Amino acid sequence: MESEILMTVSQLPDALKQEVLHYAEFLAEKHKKTLGAENPEKKRRAGTMKGMFVLPLPDDFDEPLEEFKDYM
């Protein structure tokens, strides 16, 4: 396919080669935009952790955890 394209374009006058180049750039940009629309970047939303942390901290916050007593 690429060789056919190159052979066809090489036979064109310079003015048409310039148009082919512009059209190819247009198609590449259009393709890039459609890929971006298919896979939109997921943005993090603020406030999704609301209610996960309780303030003020409990009195035993700095005490070692029960699970780690064997290692201390």
N, C-alpha and C. Protein backbone atom coordinates (compact mmCIF):
# COMPACT_ATOMS: atom_id res chain seq x y z
N MET A 1 0.83 -1.18 0.00
CA MET A 1 0.00 0.00 0.00
C MET A 1 0.87 1.25 0.00
N GLU A 2 1.90 1.28 0.87
CA GLU A 2 2.77 2.46 0.94
C GLU A 2 3.51 2.72 -0.37
N SER A 3 3.95 1.63 -1.00
CA SER A 3 4.68 1.80 -2.26
C SER A 3 3.78 2.36 -3.34
N GLU A 4 2.51 1.93 -3.37
CA GLU A 4 1.56 2.47 -4.35
C GLU A 4 1.33 3.96 -4.11
N ILE A 5 1.21 4.32 -2.86
CA ILE A 5 1.00 5.74 -2.53
C ILE A 5 2.20 6.55 -2.97
N LEU A 6 3.39 6.07 -2.66
CA LEU A 6 4.61 6.80 -3.04
C LEU A 6 4.76 6.91 -4.55
N MET A 7 4.45 5.84 -5.27
CA MET A 7 4.56 5.89 -6.73
C MET A 7 3.56 6.89 -7.31
N THR A 8 2.35 6.88 -6.81
CA THR A 8 1.33 7.78 -7.32
C THR A 8 1.69 9.23 -7.02
N VAL A 9 2.13 9.49 -5.80
CA VAL A 9 2.48 10.86 -5.41
C VAL A 9 3.71 11.34 -6.17
N SER A 10 4.65 10.46 -6.42
CA SER A 10 5.87 10.88 -7.13
C SER A 10 5.58 11.32 -8.56
N GLN A 11 4.48 10.87 -9.13
CA GLN A 11 4.12 11.23 -10.50
C GLN A 11 3.37 12.56 -10.58
N LEU A 12 2.96 13.08 -9.44
CA LEU A 12 2.20 14.33 -9.42
C LEU A 12 3.12 15.54 -9.56
N PRO A 13 2.57 16.65 -10.08
CA PRO A 13 3.35 17.89 -10.09
C PRO A 13 3.54 18.41 -8.66
N ASP A 14 4.53 19.27 -8.47
CA ASP A 14 4.87 19.76 -7.13
C ASP A 14 3.69 20.43 -6.43
N ALA A 15 2.88 21.17 -7.17
CA ALA A 15 1.74 21.86 -6.56
C ALA A 15 0.76 20.85 -5.95
N LEU A 16 0.52 19.75 -6.66
CA LEU A 16 -0.39 18.74 -6.14
C LEU A 16 0.24 17.95 -5.00
N LYS A 17 1.56 17.77 -5.04
CA LYS A 17 2.24 17.11 -3.93
C LYS A 17 2.04 17.90 -2.64
N GLN A 18 2.08 19.22 -2.75
CA GLN A 18 1.86 20.08 -1.58
C GLN A 18 0.44 19.88 -1.04
N GLU A 19 -0.55 19.78 -1.95
CA GLU A 19 -1.93 19.55 -1.52
C GLU A 19 -2.08 18.19 -0.85
N VAL A 20 -1.42 17.19 -1.40
CA VAL A 20 -1.47 15.85 -0.80
C VAL A 20 -0.88 15.88 0.60
N LEU A 21 0.22 16.59 0.77
CA LEU A 21 0.84 16.73 2.08
C LEU A 21 -0.11 17.39 3.07
N HIS A 22 -0.76 18.46 2.67
CA HIS A 22 -1.70 19.16 3.56
C HIS A 22 -2.87 18.25 3.93
N TYR A 23 -3.37 17.51 2.94
CA TYR A 23 -4.49 16.62 3.22
C TYR A 23 -4.07 15.49 4.16
N ALA A 24 -2.88 14.95 3.98
CA ALA A 24 -2.38 13.90 4.87
C ALA A 24 -2.22 14.42 6.29
N GLU A 25 -1.73 15.65 6.44
CA GLU A 25 -1.61 16.25 7.77
C GLU A 25 -2.98 16.45 8.40
N PHE A 26 -3.96 16.87 7.58
CA PHE A 26 -5.33 17.04 8.07
C PHE A 26 -5.89 15.71 8.56
N LEU A 27 -5.70 14.65 7.78
CA LEU A 27 -6.20 13.33 8.18
C LEU A 27 -5.53 12.84 9.45
N ALA A 28 -4.24 13.07 9.58
CA ALA A 28 -3.52 12.64 10.79
C ALA A 28 -4.05 13.37 12.01
N GLU A 29 -4.30 14.67 11.89
CA GLU A 29 -4.84 15.44 13.01
C GLU A 29 -6.25 14.99 13.36
N LYS A 30 -7.05 14.74 12.34
CA LYS A 30 -8.43 14.27 12.56
C LYS A 30 -8.42 12.92 13.27
N HIS A 31 -7.53 12.04 12.85
CA HIS A 31 -7.43 10.71 13.47
C HIS A 31 -7.00 10.83 14.93
N LYS A 32 -6.07 11.74 15.21
CA LYS A 32 -5.60 11.95 16.58
C LYS A 32 -6.74 12.44 17.47
N LYS A 33 -7.59 13.32 16.93
CA LYS A 33 -8.72 13.84 17.71
C LYS A 33 -9.75 12.75 17.98
N THR A 34 -10.01 11.87 17.01
CA THR A 34 -10.98 10.81 17.23
C THR A 34 -10.47 9.81 18.25
N LEU A 35 -9.17 9.56 18.27
CA LEU A 35 -8.61 8.67 19.29
C LEU A 35 -8.76 9.29 20.67
N GLY A 36 -8.55 10.59 20.77
CA GLY A 36 -8.70 11.27 22.05
C GLY A 36 -10.14 11.27 22.53
N ALA A 37 -11.10 11.34 21.61
CA ALA A 37 -12.51 11.33 21.98
C ALA A 37 -12.94 9.94 22.44
N GLU A 38 -12.33 8.89 21.88
CA GLU A 38 -12.68 7.53 22.27
C GLU A 38 -12.15 7.19 23.66
N ASN A 39 -10.99 7.72 24.00
CA ASN A 39 -10.35 7.44 25.29
C ASN A 39 -10.11 8.73 26.05
N PRO A 40 -11.18 9.35 26.54
CA PRO A 40 -10.96 10.62 27.26
C PRO A 40 -10.18 10.38 28.55
N GLU A 41 -9.35 11.33 28.88
CA GLU A 41 -8.55 11.23 30.10
C GLU A 41 -9.47 11.35 31.30
N LYS A 42 -9.37 10.39 32.20
CA LYS A 42 -10.22 10.42 33.38
C LYS A 42 -9.61 11.36 34.40
N LYS A 43 -10.43 12.29 34.85
CA LYS A 43 -9.95 13.25 35.83
C LYS A 43 -10.49 12.87 37.20
N ARG A 44 -9.67 13.12 38.20
CA ARG A 44 -10.09 12.83 39.57
C ARG A 44 -11.06 13.90 40.04
N ARG A 45 -12.06 13.47 40.76
CA ARG A 45 -13.04 14.41 41.28
C ARG A 45 -12.73 14.71 42.74
N ALA A 46 -12.88 15.96 43.10
CA ALA A 46 -12.66 16.36 44.49
C ALA A 46 -13.85 15.92 45.33
N GLY A 47 -13.58 15.55 46.57
CA GLY A 47 -14.63 15.22 47.51
C GLY A 47 -15.05 13.77 47.53
N THR A 48 -14.36 12.89 46.83
CA THR A 48 -14.77 11.49 46.80
C THR A 48 -14.42 10.76 48.10
N MET A 49 -13.52 11.30 48.89
CA MET A 49 -13.13 10.67 50.15
C MET A 49 -13.86 11.28 51.35
N LYS A 50 -14.86 12.10 51.08
CA LYS A 50 -15.57 12.77 52.16
C LYS A 50 -16.19 11.74 53.11
N GLY A 51 -15.97 11.94 54.40
CA GLY A 51 -16.51 11.04 55.40
C GLY A 51 -15.62 9.84 55.70
N MET A 52 -14.50 9.70 55.01
CA MET A 52 -13.61 8.57 55.23
C MET A 52 -12.71 8.76 56.45
N PHE A 53 -12.47 9.99 56.83
CA PHE A 53 -11.59 10.29 57.95
C PHE A 53 -12.41 10.97 59.04
N VAL A 54 -12.17 10.54 60.26
CA VAL A 54 -12.91 11.10 61.39
C VAL A 54 -11.96 12.00 62.18
N LEU A 55 -12.34 13.23 62.35
CA LEU A 55 -11.57 14.17 63.15
C LEU A 55 -12.42 14.58 64.33
N PRO A 56 -11.92 14.78 65.46
CA PRO A 56 -10.53 14.68 65.87
C PRO A 56 -10.09 13.22 65.94
N LEU A 57 -8.78 13.04 65.90
CA LEU A 57 -8.21 11.70 65.94
C LEU A 57 -8.45 11.06 67.30
N PRO A 58 -8.57 9.74 67.35
CA PRO A 58 -8.77 9.06 68.63
C PRO A 58 -7.56 9.24 69.55
N ASP A 59 -7.78 9.09 70.85
CA ASP A 59 -6.71 9.28 71.84
C ASP A 59 -5.57 8.28 71.65
N ASP A 60 -5.86 7.08 71.18
CA ASP A 60 -4.81 6.06 71.03
C ASP A 60 -4.21 6.04 69.61
N PHE A 61 -4.27 7.15 68.93
CA PHE A 61 -3.78 7.22 67.55
C PHE A 61 -2.30 6.88 67.46
N ASP A 62 -1.49 7.33 68.41
CA ASP A 62 -0.04 7.11 68.37
C ASP A 62 0.37 5.78 68.99
N GLU A 63 -0.54 5.03 69.54
CA GLU A 63 -0.23 3.74 70.15
C GLU A 63 0.03 2.70 69.05
N PRO A 64 0.90 1.71 69.32
CA PRO A 64 1.16 0.66 68.33
C PRO A 64 -0.11 -0.14 68.04
N LEU A 65 -0.22 -0.60 66.83
CA LEU A 65 -1.38 -1.40 66.45
C LEU A 65 -1.25 -2.81 67.01
N GLU A 66 -2.38 -3.43 67.29
CA GLU A 66 -2.41 -4.79 67.84
C GLU A 66 -1.71 -5.77 66.88
N GLU A 67 -1.88 -5.56 65.59
CA GLU A 67 -1.32 -6.47 64.59
C GLU A 67 0.21 -6.50 64.61
N PHE A 68 0.85 -5.45 65.10
CA PHE A 68 2.31 -5.35 65.07
C PHE A 68 2.96 -5.65 66.42
N LYS A 69 2.21 -6.04 67.42
CA LYS A 69 2.78 -6.29 68.75
C LYS A 69 3.78 -7.44 68.71
N ASP A 70 3.60 -8.42 67.84
CA ASP A 70 4.54 -9.55 67.73
C ASP A 70 5.90 -9.10 67.24
N TYR A 71 5.96 -8.01 66.52
CA TYR A 71 7.21 -7.54 65.92
C TYR A 71 7.92 -6.50 66.77
N MET A 72 7.34 -6.09 67.86
CA MET A 72 7.93 -5.02 68.66
C MET A 72 8.54 -5.57 69.93
